[in-house]
């Protein structure tokens, strides 16, 4: 939730797996605009370095937002990288 969701720390846990894909390269970019001046940009980039063996995945996110309460903002930026190497067919 801290990486890609609207999270407020309070004891809740949200786990999202962003594993690299060793079979195909793909990209996605998403932009959002909302109320209270919310602007959010996300990018997800997966690159196969060695087919069926080695891949790199990078996720980035940035957000700026006001709130209906004074002096309260929801600004965020983050980056996450995952590398996957398949040692054998059943071992990563």
PDB file of N, CA and C in Angstrom:
ATOM      1  N   UNK A   1       0.820  -1.187   0.000  1.00  0.00           N
ATOM      2  CA  UNK A   1       0.000   0.000   0.000  1.00  0.00           C
ATOM      3  C   UNK A   1       0.867   1.255   0.000  1.00  0.00           C
ATOM      4  N   UNK A   2       1.994   1.229   0.673  1.00  0.00           N
ATOM      5  CA  UNK A   2       2.867   2.391   0.661  1.00  0.00           C
ATOM      6  C   UNK A   2       3.448   2.634  -0.715  1.00  0.00           C
ATOM      7  N   UNK A   3       3.612   1.570  -1.507  1.00  0.00           N
ATOM      8  CA  UNK A   3       4.235   1.712  -2.808  1.00  0.00           C
ATOM      9  C   UNK A   3       3.258   2.188  -3.871  1.00  0.00           C
ATOM     10  N   UNK A   4       2.041   1.674  -3.894  1.00  0.00           N
ATOM     11  CA  UNK A   4       1.128   1.999  -4.983  1.00  0.00           C
ATOM     12  C   UNK A   4      -0.282   2.355  -4.549  1.00  0.00           C
ATOM     13  N   UNK A   5      -0.561   2.391  -3.294  1.00  0.00           N
ATOM     14  CA  UNK A   5      -1.916   2.708  -2.867  1.00  0.00           C
ATOM     15  C   UNK A   5      -1.954   3.966  -2.047  1.00  0.00           C
ATOM     16  N   UNK A   6      -3.145   4.369  -1.716  1.00  0.00           N
ATOM     17  CA  UNK A   6      -3.319   5.513  -0.828  1.00  0.00           C
ATOM     18  C   UNK A   6      -3.288   4.983   0.590  1.00  0.00           C
ATOM     19  N   UNK A   7      -2.113   4.906   1.156  1.00  0.00           N
ATOM     20  CA  UNK A   7      -1.952   4.282   2.470  1.00  0.00           C
ATOM     21  C   UNK A   7      -1.733   5.329   3.543  1.00  0.00           C
ATOM     22  N   UNK A   8      -2.369   5.135   4.629  1.00  0.00           N
ATOM     23  CA  UNK A   8      -2.115   5.909   5.826  1.00  0.00           C
ATOM     24  C   UNK A   8      -1.612   4.925   6.875  1.00  0.00           C
ATOM     25  N   UNK A   9      -0.402   5.107   7.402  1.00  0.00           N
ATOM     26  CA  UNK A   9       0.112   4.143   8.366  1.00  0.00           C
ATOM     27  C   UNK A   9      -0.804   4.064   9.575  1.00  0.00           C
ATOM     28  N   UNK A  10      -1.223   2.882   9.913  1.00  0.00           N
ATOM     29  CA  UNK A  10      -2.118   2.719  11.047  1.00  0.00           C
ATOM     30  C   UNK A  10      -2.247   1.266  11.448  1.00  0.00           C
ATOM     31  N   UNK A  11      -1.267   0.452  11.118  1.00  0.00           N
ATOM     32  CA  UNK A  11      -1.292  -0.933  11.520  1.00  0.00           C
ATOM     33  C   UNK A  11      -1.834  -1.886  10.466  1.00  0.00           C
ATOM     34  N   UNK A  12      -2.304  -1.371   9.342  1.00  0.00           N
ATOM     35  CA  UNK A  12      -2.800  -2.238   8.290  1.00  0.00           C
ATOM     36  C   UNK A  12      -1.670  -2.615   7.339  1.00  0.00           C
ATOM     37  N   UNK A  13      -1.721  -3.829   6.832  1.00  0.00           N
ATOM     38  CA  UNK A  13      -0.686  -4.281   5.916  1.00  0.00           C
ATOM     39  C   UNK A  13      -1.307  -4.648   4.578  1.00  0.00           C
ATOM     40  N   UNK A  14      -0.653  -4.256   3.511  1.00  0.00           N
ATOM     41  CA  UNK A  14      -1.091  -4.584   2.162  1.00  0.00           C
ATOM     42  C   UNK A  14       0.141  -5.029   1.393  1.00  0.00           C
ATOM     43  N   UNK A  15       0.157  -6.278   0.939  1.00  0.00           N
ATOM     44  CA  UNK A  15       1.313  -6.808   0.219  1.00  0.00           C
ATOM     45  C   UNK A  15       0.921  -7.047  -1.227  1.00  0.00           C
ATOM     46  N   UNK A  16       1.655  -6.432  -2.150  1.00  0.00           N
ATOM     47  CA  UNK A  16       1.429  -6.600  -3.577  1.00  0.00           C
ATOM     48  C   UNK A  16       2.742  -7.071  -4.186  1.00  0.00           C
ATOM     49  N   UNK A  17       2.716  -8.227  -4.817  1.00  0.00           N
ATOM     50  CA  UNK A  17       3.921  -8.777  -5.416  1.00  0.00           C
ATOM     51  C   UNK A  17       4.143  -8.163  -6.790  1.00  0.00           C
ATOM     52  N   UNK A  18       5.302  -7.606  -7.008  1.00  0.00           N
ATOM     53  CA  UNK A  18       5.692  -7.054  -8.307  1.00  0.00           C
ATOM     54  C   UNK A  18       6.917  -7.826  -8.766  1.00  0.00           C
ATOM     55  N   UNK A  19       6.712  -9.053  -9.202  1.00  0.00           N
ATOM     56  CA  UNK A  19       7.792  -9.932  -9.627  1.00  0.00           C
ATOM     57  C   UNK A  19       8.137  -9.674 -11.089  1.00  0.00           C
ATOM     58  N   UNK A  20       9.428  -9.737 -11.404  1.00  0.00           N
ATOM     59  CA  UNK A  20       9.858  -9.579 -12.788  1.00  0.00           C
ATOM     60  C   UNK A  20       9.415 -10.791 -13.609  1.00  0.00           C
ATOM     61  N   UNK A  21       9.058 -10.540 -14.864  1.00  0.00           N
ATOM     62  CA  UNK A  21       8.602 -11.589 -15.775  1.00  0.00           C
ATOM     63  C   UNK A  21       9.744 -11.927 -16.733  1.00  0.00           C
ATOM     64  N   UNK A  22      10.233 -13.173 -16.705  1.00  0.00           N
ATOM     65  CA  UNK A  22      11.376 -13.571 -17.537  1.00  0.00           C
ATOM     66  C   UNK A  22      10.959 -13.992 -18.939  1.00  0.00           C
ATOM     67  N   UNK A  23       9.659 -13.953 -19.236  1.00  0.00           N
ATOM     68  CA  UNK A  23       9.184 -14.420 -20.534  1.00  0.00           C
ATOM     69  C   UNK A  23       8.898 -13.306 -21.529  1.00  0.00           C
ATOM     70  N   UNK A  24       8.523 -12.107 -21.070  1.00  0.00           N
ATOM     71  CA  UNK A  24       8.263 -11.028 -22.023  1.00  0.00           C
ATOM     72  C   UNK A  24       8.498  -9.658 -21.395  1.00  0.00           C
ATOM     73  N   UNK A  25       8.979  -8.736 -22.221  1.00  0.00           N
ATOM     74  CA  UNK A  25       9.166  -7.350 -21.803  1.00  0.00           C
ATOM     75  C   UNK A  25       7.862  -6.601 -22.021  1.00  0.00           C
ATOM     76  N   UNK A  26       7.521  -5.715 -21.095  1.00  0.00           N
ATOM     77  CA  UNK A  26       6.309  -4.910 -21.238  1.00  0.00           C
ATOM     78  C   UNK A  26       6.444  -3.628 -20.432  1.00  0.00           C
ATOM     79  N   UNK A  27       5.694  -2.610 -20.851  1.00  0.00           N
ATOM     80  CA  UNK A  27       5.686  -1.304 -20.191  1.00  0.00           C
ATOM     81  C   UNK A  27       4.250  -0.859 -19.981  1.00  0.00           C
ATOM     82  N   UNK A  28       4.027  -0.071 -18.950  1.00  0.00           N
ATOM     83  CA  UNK A  28       2.736   0.596 -18.791  1.00  0.00           C
ATOM     84  C   UNK A  28       2.962   1.908 -18.042  1.00  0.00           C
ATOM     85  N   UNK A  29       2.223   2.917 -18.461  1.00  0.00           N
ATOM     86  CA  UNK A  29       2.258   4.235 -17.820  1.00  0.00           C
ATOM     87  C   UNK A  29       0.810   4.650 -17.603  1.00  0.00           C
ATOM     88  N   UNK A  30       0.519   5.190 -16.430  1.00  0.00           N
ATOM     89  CA  UNK A  30      -0.843   5.614 -16.114  1.00  0.00           C
ATOM     90  C   UNK A  30      -0.793   6.972 -15.423  1.00  0.00           C
ATOM     91  N   UNK A  31      -1.639   7.884 -15.881  1.00  0.00           N
ATOM     92  CA  UNK A  31      -1.753   9.215 -15.281  1.00  0.00           C
ATOM     93  C   UNK A  31      -3.185   9.393 -14.786  1.00  0.00           C
ATOM     94  N   UNK A  32      -3.344   9.998 -13.614  1.00  0.00           N
ATOM     95  CA  UNK A  32      -4.663  10.232 -13.033  1.00  0.00           C
ATOM     96  C   UNK A  32      -4.772  11.664 -12.529  1.00  0.00           C
ATOM     97  N   UNK A  33      -5.949  12.212 -12.662  1.00  0.00           N
ATOM     98  CA  UNK A  33      -6.264  13.537 -12.130  1.00  0.00           C
ATOM     99  C   UNK A  33      -7.576  13.401 -11.386  1.00  0.00           C
ATOM    100  N   UNK A  34      -7.664  14.003 -10.198  1.00  0.00           N
ATOM    101  CA  UNK A  34      -8.884  13.880  -9.409  1.00  0.00           C
ATOM    102  C   UNK A  34      -9.202  15.131  -8.634  1.00  0.00           C
ATOM    103  N   UNK A  35     -10.169  15.011  -7.754  1.00  0.00           N
ATOM    104  CA  UNK A  35     -10.589  16.149  -6.948  1.00  0.00           C
ATOM    105  C   UNK A  35      -9.517  16.508  -5.919  1.00  0.00           C
ATOM    106  N   UNK A  36      -9.644  17.685  -5.344  1.00  0.00           N
ATOM    107  CA  UNK A  36      -8.707  18.246  -4.366  1.00  0.00           C
ATOM    108  C   UNK A  36      -7.304  18.359  -4.953  1.00  0.00           C
ATOM    109  N   UNK A  37      -7.207  18.633  -6.237  1.00  0.00           N
ATOM    110  CA  UNK A  37      -5.918  18.849  -6.873  1.00  0.00           C
ATOM    111  C   UNK A  37      -5.064  17.602  -6.992  1.00  0.00           C
ATOM    112  N   UNK A  38      -5.668  16.442  -6.977  1.00  0.00           N
ATOM    113  CA  UNK A  38      -4.909  15.193  -7.031  1.00  0.00           C
ATOM    114  C   UNK A  38      -4.349  14.957  -8.434  1.00  0.00           C
ATOM    115  N   UNK A  39      -3.036  14.711  -8.458  1.00  0.00           N
ATOM    116  CA  UNK A  39      -2.333  14.345  -9.686  1.00  0.00           C
ATOM    117  C   UNK A  39      -1.437  13.164  -9.351  1.00  0.00           C
ATOM    118  N   UNK A  40      -1.527  12.104 -10.150  1.00  0.00           N
ATOM    119  CA  UNK A  40      -0.747  10.890  -9.886  1.00  0.00           C
ATOM    120  C   UNK A  40      -0.221  10.332 -11.198  1.00  0.00           C
ATOM    121  N   UNK A  41       1.039   9.889 -11.182  1.00  0.00           N
ATOM    122  CA  UNK A  41       1.671   9.291 -12.350  1.00  0.00           C
ATOM    123  C   UNK A  41       2.352   8.000 -11.903  1.00  0.00           C
ATOM    124  N   UNK A  42       2.083   6.901 -12.640  1.00  0.00           N
ATOM    125  CA  UNK A  42       2.662   5.604 -12.326  1.00  0.00           C
ATOM    126  C   UNK A  42       3.317   5.018 -13.566  1.00  0.00           C
ATOM    127  N   UNK A  43       4.398   4.308 -13.392  1.00  0.00           N
ATOM    128  CA  UNK A  43       5.066   3.606 -14.486  1.00  0.00           C
ATOM    129  C   UNK A  43       5.507   2.228 -14.034  1.00  0.00           C
ATOM    130  N   UNK A  44       5.351   1.245 -14.908  1.00  0.00           N
ATOM    131  CA  UNK A  44       5.729  -0.136 -14.623  1.00  0.00           C
ATOM    132  C   UNK A  44       6.487  -0.656 -15.848  1.00  0.00           C
ATOM    133  N   UNK A  45       7.761  -0.989 -15.670  1.00  0.00           N
ATOM    134  CA  UNK A  45       8.615  -1.368 -16.783  1.00  0.00           C
ATOM    135  C   UNK A  45       9.283  -2.703 -16.484  1.00  0.00           C
ATOM    136  N   UNK A  46       9.086  -3.672 -17.359  1.00  0.00           N
ATOM    137  CA  UNK A  46       9.684  -5.001 -17.217  1.00  0.00           C
ATOM    138  C   UNK A  46      10.565  -5.271 -18.434  1.00  0.00           C
ATOM    139  N   UNK A  47      11.808  -5.681 -18.205  1.00  0.00           N
ATOM    140  CA  UNK A  47      12.751  -5.975 -19.284  1.00  0.00           C
ATOM    141  C   UNK A  47      13.315  -7.371 -19.095  1.00  0.00           C
ATOM    142  N   UNK A  48      13.215  -8.193 -20.150  1.00  0.00           N
ATOM    143  CA  UNK A  48      13.866  -9.502 -20.168  1.00  0.00           C
ATOM    144  C   UNK A  48      15.315  -9.270 -20.583  1.00  0.00           C
ATOM    145  N   UNK A  49      16.243  -9.671 -19.733  1.00  0.00           N
ATOM    146  CA  UNK A  49      17.667  -9.499 -20.020  1.00  0.00           C
ATOM    147  C   UNK A  49      18.253 -10.755 -20.666  1.00  0.00           C
ATOM    148  N   UNK A  50      17.865 -11.916 -20.157  1.00  0.00           N
ATOM    149  CA  UNK A  50      18.200 -13.215 -20.757  1.00  0.00           C
ATOM    150  C   UNK A  50      16.896 -14.002 -20.803  1.00  0.00           C
ATOM    151  N   UNK A  51      16.378 -14.326 -21.990  1.00  0.00           N
ATOM    152  CA  UNK A  51      15.070 -14.988 -22.095  1.00  0.00           C
ATOM    153  C   UNK A  51      14.962 -16.240 -21.213  1.00  0.00           C
ATOM    154  N   UNK A  52      13.850 -16.301 -20.469  1.00  0.00           N
ATOM    155  CA  UNK A  52      13.538 -17.405 -19.543  1.00  0.00           C
ATOM    156  C   UNK A  52      14.564 -17.589 -18.431  1.00  0.00           C
ATOM    157  N   UNK A  53      15.443 -16.620 -18.225  1.00  0.00           N
ATOM    158  CA  UNK A  53      16.487 -16.740 -17.213  1.00  0.00           C
ATOM    159  C   UNK A  53      16.591 -15.523 -16.296  1.00  0.00           C
ATOM    160  N   UNK A  54      16.644 -14.305 -16.872  1.00  0.00           N
ATOM    161  CA  UNK A  54      16.918 -13.104 -16.086  1.00  0.00           C
ATOM    162  C   UNK A  54      16.053 -11.940 -16.566  1.00  0.00           C
ATOM    163  N   UNK A  55      15.417 -11.249 -15.608  1.00  0.00           N
ATOM    164  CA  UNK A  55      14.571 -10.093 -15.941  1.00  0.00           C
ATOM    165  C   UNK A  55      14.649  -9.053 -14.829  1.00  0.00           C
ATOM    166  N   UNK A  56      14.392  -7.803 -15.212  1.00  0.00           N
ATOM    167  CA  UNK A  56      14.378  -6.674 -14.282  1.00  0.00           C
ATOM    168  C   UNK A  56      13.047  -5.958 -14.415  1.00  0.00           C
ATOM    169  N   UNK A  57      12.424  -5.633 -13.276  1.00  0.00           N
ATOM    170  CA  UNK A  57      11.172  -4.878 -13.263  1.00  0.00           C
ATOM    171  C   UNK A  57      11.346  -3.658 -12.371  1.00  0.00           C
ATOM    172  N   UNK A  58      10.971  -2.495 -12.896  1.00  0.00           N
ATOM    173  CA  UNK A  58      11.067  -1.239 -12.149  1.00  0.00           C
ATOM    174  C   UNK A  58       9.691  -0.580 -12.133  1.00  0.00           C
ATOM    175  N   UNK A  59       9.242  -0.190 -10.952  1.00  0.00           N
ATOM    176  CA  UNK A  59       7.972   0.504 -10.769  1.00  0.00           C
ATOM    177  C   UNK A  59       8.246   1.862 -10.136  1.00  0.00           C
ATOM    178  N   UNK A  60       7.619   2.891 -10.673  1.00  0.00           N
ATOM    179  CA  UNK A  60       7.752   4.242 -10.125  1.00  0.00           C
ATOM    180  C   UNK A  60       6.361   4.828  -9.940  1.00  0.00           C
ATOM    181  N   UNK A  61       6.227   5.691  -8.940  1.00  0.00           N
ATOM    182  CA  UNK A  61       4.945   6.350  -8.693  1.00  0.00           C
ATOM    183  C   UNK A  61       5.202   7.701  -8.036  1.00  0.00           C
ATOM    184  N   UNK A  62       4.378   8.672  -8.391  1.00  0.00           N
ATOM    185  CA  UNK A  62       4.444   9.984  -7.779  1.00  0.00           C
ATOM    186  C   UNK A  62       3.051  10.580  -7.689  1.00  0.00           C
ATOM    187  N   UNK A  63       2.764  11.266  -6.589  1.00  0.00           N
ATOM    188  CA  UNK A  63       1.434  11.832  -6.382  1.00  0.00           C
ATOM    189  C   UNK A  63       1.526  13.134  -5.602  1.00  0.00           C
ATOM    190  N   UNK A  64       0.694  14.087  -5.978  1.00  0.00           N
ATOM    191  CA  UNK A  64       0.514  15.329  -5.222  1.00  0.00           C
ATOM    192  C   UNK A  64      -0.972  15.544  -5.050  1.00  0.00           C
ATOM    193  N   UNK A  65      -1.399  15.871  -3.834  1.00  0.00           N
ATOM    194  CA  UNK A  65      -2.825  16.042  -3.581  1.00  0.00           C
ATOM    195  C   UNK A  65      -3.038  16.905  -2.348  1.00  0.00           C
ATOM    196  N   UNK A  66      -4.061  17.737  -2.401  1.00  0.00           N
ATOM    197  CA  UNK A  66      -4.491  18.504  -1.233  1.00  0.00           C
ATOM    198  C   UNK A  66      -5.531  17.682  -0.483  1.00  0.00           C
ATOM    199  N   UNK A  67      -6.126  18.276   0.523  1.00  0.00           N
ATOM    200  CA  UNK A  67      -7.146  17.602   1.314  1.00  0.00           C
ATOM    201  C   UNK A  67      -8.188  18.635   1.693  1.00  0.00           C
ATOM    202  N   UNK A  68      -9.351  18.183   2.080  1.00  0.00           N
ATOM    203  CA  UNK A  68     -10.394  19.119   2.490  1.00  0.00           C
ATOM    204  C   UNK A  68     -10.050  19.775   3.817  1.00  0.00           C
ATOM    205  N   UNK A  69      -9.108  19.217   4.550  1.00  0.00           N
ATOM    206  CA  UNK A  69      -8.639  19.819   5.800  1.00  0.00           C
ATOM    207  C   UNK A  69      -7.453  20.743   5.502  1.00  0.00           C
ATOM    208  N   UNK A  70      -7.336  21.842   6.218  1.00  0.00           N
ATOM    209  CA  UNK A  70      -6.228  22.774   6.018  1.00  0.00           C
ATOM    210  C   UNK A  70      -4.898  22.134   6.409  1.00  0.00           C
ATOM    211  N   UNK A  71      -3.863  22.454   5.667  1.00  0.00           N
ATOM    212  CA  UNK A  71      -2.488  22.035   5.939  1.00  0.00           C
ATOM    213  C   UNK A  71      -2.328  20.513   5.950  1.00  0.00           C
ATOM    214  N   UNK A  72      -3.153  19.815   5.201  1.00  0.00           N
ATOM    215  CA  UNK A  72      -3.055  18.356   5.081  1.00  0.00           C
ATOM    216  C   UNK A  72      -2.831  18.023   3.608  1.00  0.00           C
ATOM    217  N   UNK A  73      -1.781  17.275   3.323  1.00  0.00           N
ATOM    218  CA  UNK A  73      -1.433  16.945   1.948  1.00  0.00           C
ATOM    219  C   UNK A  73      -1.181  15.446   1.848  1.00  0.00           C
ATOM    220  N   UNK A  74      -1.315  14.925   0.651  1.00  0.00           N
ATOM    221  CA  UNK A  74      -1.041  13.518   0.407  1.00  0.00           C
ATOM    222  C   UNK A  74      -0.040  13.438  -0.752  1.00  0.00           C
ATOM    223  N   UNK A  75       1.190  13.852  -0.485  1.00  0.00           N
ATOM    224  CA  UNK A  75       2.239  13.862  -1.498  1.00  0.00           C
ATOM    225  C   UNK A  75       3.099  12.620  -1.332  1.00  0.00           C
ATOM    226  N   UNK A  76       3.493  12.023  -2.446  1.00  0.00           N
ATOM    227  CA  UNK A  76       4.192  10.755  -2.390  1.00  0.00           C
ATOM    228  C   UNK A  76       5.040  10.567  -3.642  1.00  0.00           C
ATOM    229  N   UNK A  77       6.213   9.988  -3.486  1.00  0.00           N
ATOM    230  CA  UNK A  77       6.997   9.536  -4.629  1.00  0.00           C
ATOM    231  C   UNK A  77       7.764   8.293  -4.195  1.00  0.00           C
ATOM    232  N   UNK A  78       7.878   7.344  -5.103  1.00  0.00           N
ATOM    233  CA  UNK A  78       8.563   6.103  -4.748  1.00  0.00           C
ATOM    234  C   UNK A  78       9.046   5.349  -5.970  1.00  0.00           C
ATOM    235  N   UNK A  79       9.998   4.468  -5.739  1.00  0.00           N
ATOM    236  CA  UNK A  79      10.536   3.618  -6.796  1.00  0.00           C
ATOM    237  C   UNK A  79      10.810   2.242  -6.189  1.00  0.00           C
ATOM    238  N   UNK A  80      10.577   1.216  -6.984  1.00  0.00           N
ATOM    239  CA  UNK A  80      10.803  -0.155  -6.547  1.00  0.00           C
ATOM    240  C   UNK A  80      11.403  -0.934  -7.717  1.00  0.00           C
ATOM    241  N   UNK A  81      12.397  -1.752  -7.434  1.00  0.00           N
ATOM    242  CA  UNK A  81      13.016  -2.575  -8.473  1.00  0.00           C
ATOM    243  C   UNK A  81      13.046  -4.022  -8.013  1.00  0.00           C
ATOM    244  N   UNK A  82      12.811  -4.934  -8.940  1.00  0.00           N
ATOM    245  CA  UNK A  82      12.869  -6.370  -8.653  1.00  0.00           C
ATOM    246  C   UNK A  82      13.649  -7.056  -9.766  1.00  0.00           C
ATOM    247  N   UNK A  83      14.575  -7.905  -9.363  1.00  0.00           N
ATOM    248  CA  UNK A  83      15.381  -8.666 -10.306  1.00  0.00           C
ATOM    249  C   UNK A  83      15.061 -10.137 -10.088  1.00  0.00           C
ATOM    250  N   UNK A  84      14.805 -10.861 -11.158  1.00  0.00           N
ATOM    251  CA  UNK A  84      14.544 -12.296 -11.035  1.00  0.00           C
ATOM    252  C   UNK A  84      15.532 -13.062 -11.891  1.00  0.00           C
ATOM    253  N   UNK A  85      16.161 -14.060 -11.277  1.00  0.00           N
ATOM    254  CA  UNK A  85      17.089 -14.941 -11.973  1.00  0.00           C
ATOM    255  C   UNK A  85      16.638 -16.375 -11.724  1.00  0.00           C
ATOM    256  N   UNK A  86      16.356 -17.109 -12.773  1.00  0.00           N
ATOM    257  CA  UNK A  86      15.951 -18.504 -12.654  1.00  0.00           C
ATOM    258  C   UNK A  86      17.192 -19.381 -12.701  1.00  0.00           C
ATOM    259  N   UNK A  87      17.563 -19.942 -11.554  1.00  0.00           N
ATOM    260  CA  UNK A  87      18.726 -20.825 -11.460  1.00  0.00           C
ATOM    261  C   UNK A  87      18.411 -22.138 -12.188  1.00  0.00           C
ATOM    262  N   UNK A  88      17.284 -22.743 -11.838  1.00  0.00           N
ATOM    263  CA  UNK A  88      16.779 -23.930 -12.520  1.00  0.00           C
ATOM    264  C   UNK A  88      15.316 -23.674 -12.866  1.00  0.00           C
ATOM    265  N   UNK A  89      14.660 -24.659 -13.436  1.00  0.00           N
ATOM    266  CA  UNK A  89      13.260 -24.477 -13.797  1.00  0.00           C
ATOM    267  C   UNK A  89      12.371 -24.259 -12.567  1.00  0.00           C
ATOM    268  N   UNK A  90      12.742 -24.837 -11.419  1.00  0.00           N
ATOM    269  CA  UNK A  90      11.932 -24.728 -10.215  1.00  0.00           C
ATOM    270  C   UNK A  90      12.557 -23.831  -9.146  1.00  0.00           C
ATOM    271  N   UNK A  91      13.667 -23.198  -9.436  1.00  0.00           N
ATOM    272  CA  UNK A  91      14.360 -22.379  -8.425  1.00  0.00           C
ATOM    273  C   UNK A  91      14.593 -20.978  -8.979  1.00  0.00           C
ATOM    274  N   UNK A  92      14.108 -19.949  -8.224  1.00  0.00           N
ATOM    275  CA  UNK A  92      14.308 -18.551  -8.597  1.00  0.00           C
ATOM    276  C   UNK A  92      15.199 -17.874  -7.592  1.00  0.00           C
TER     277      UNK A  92
END
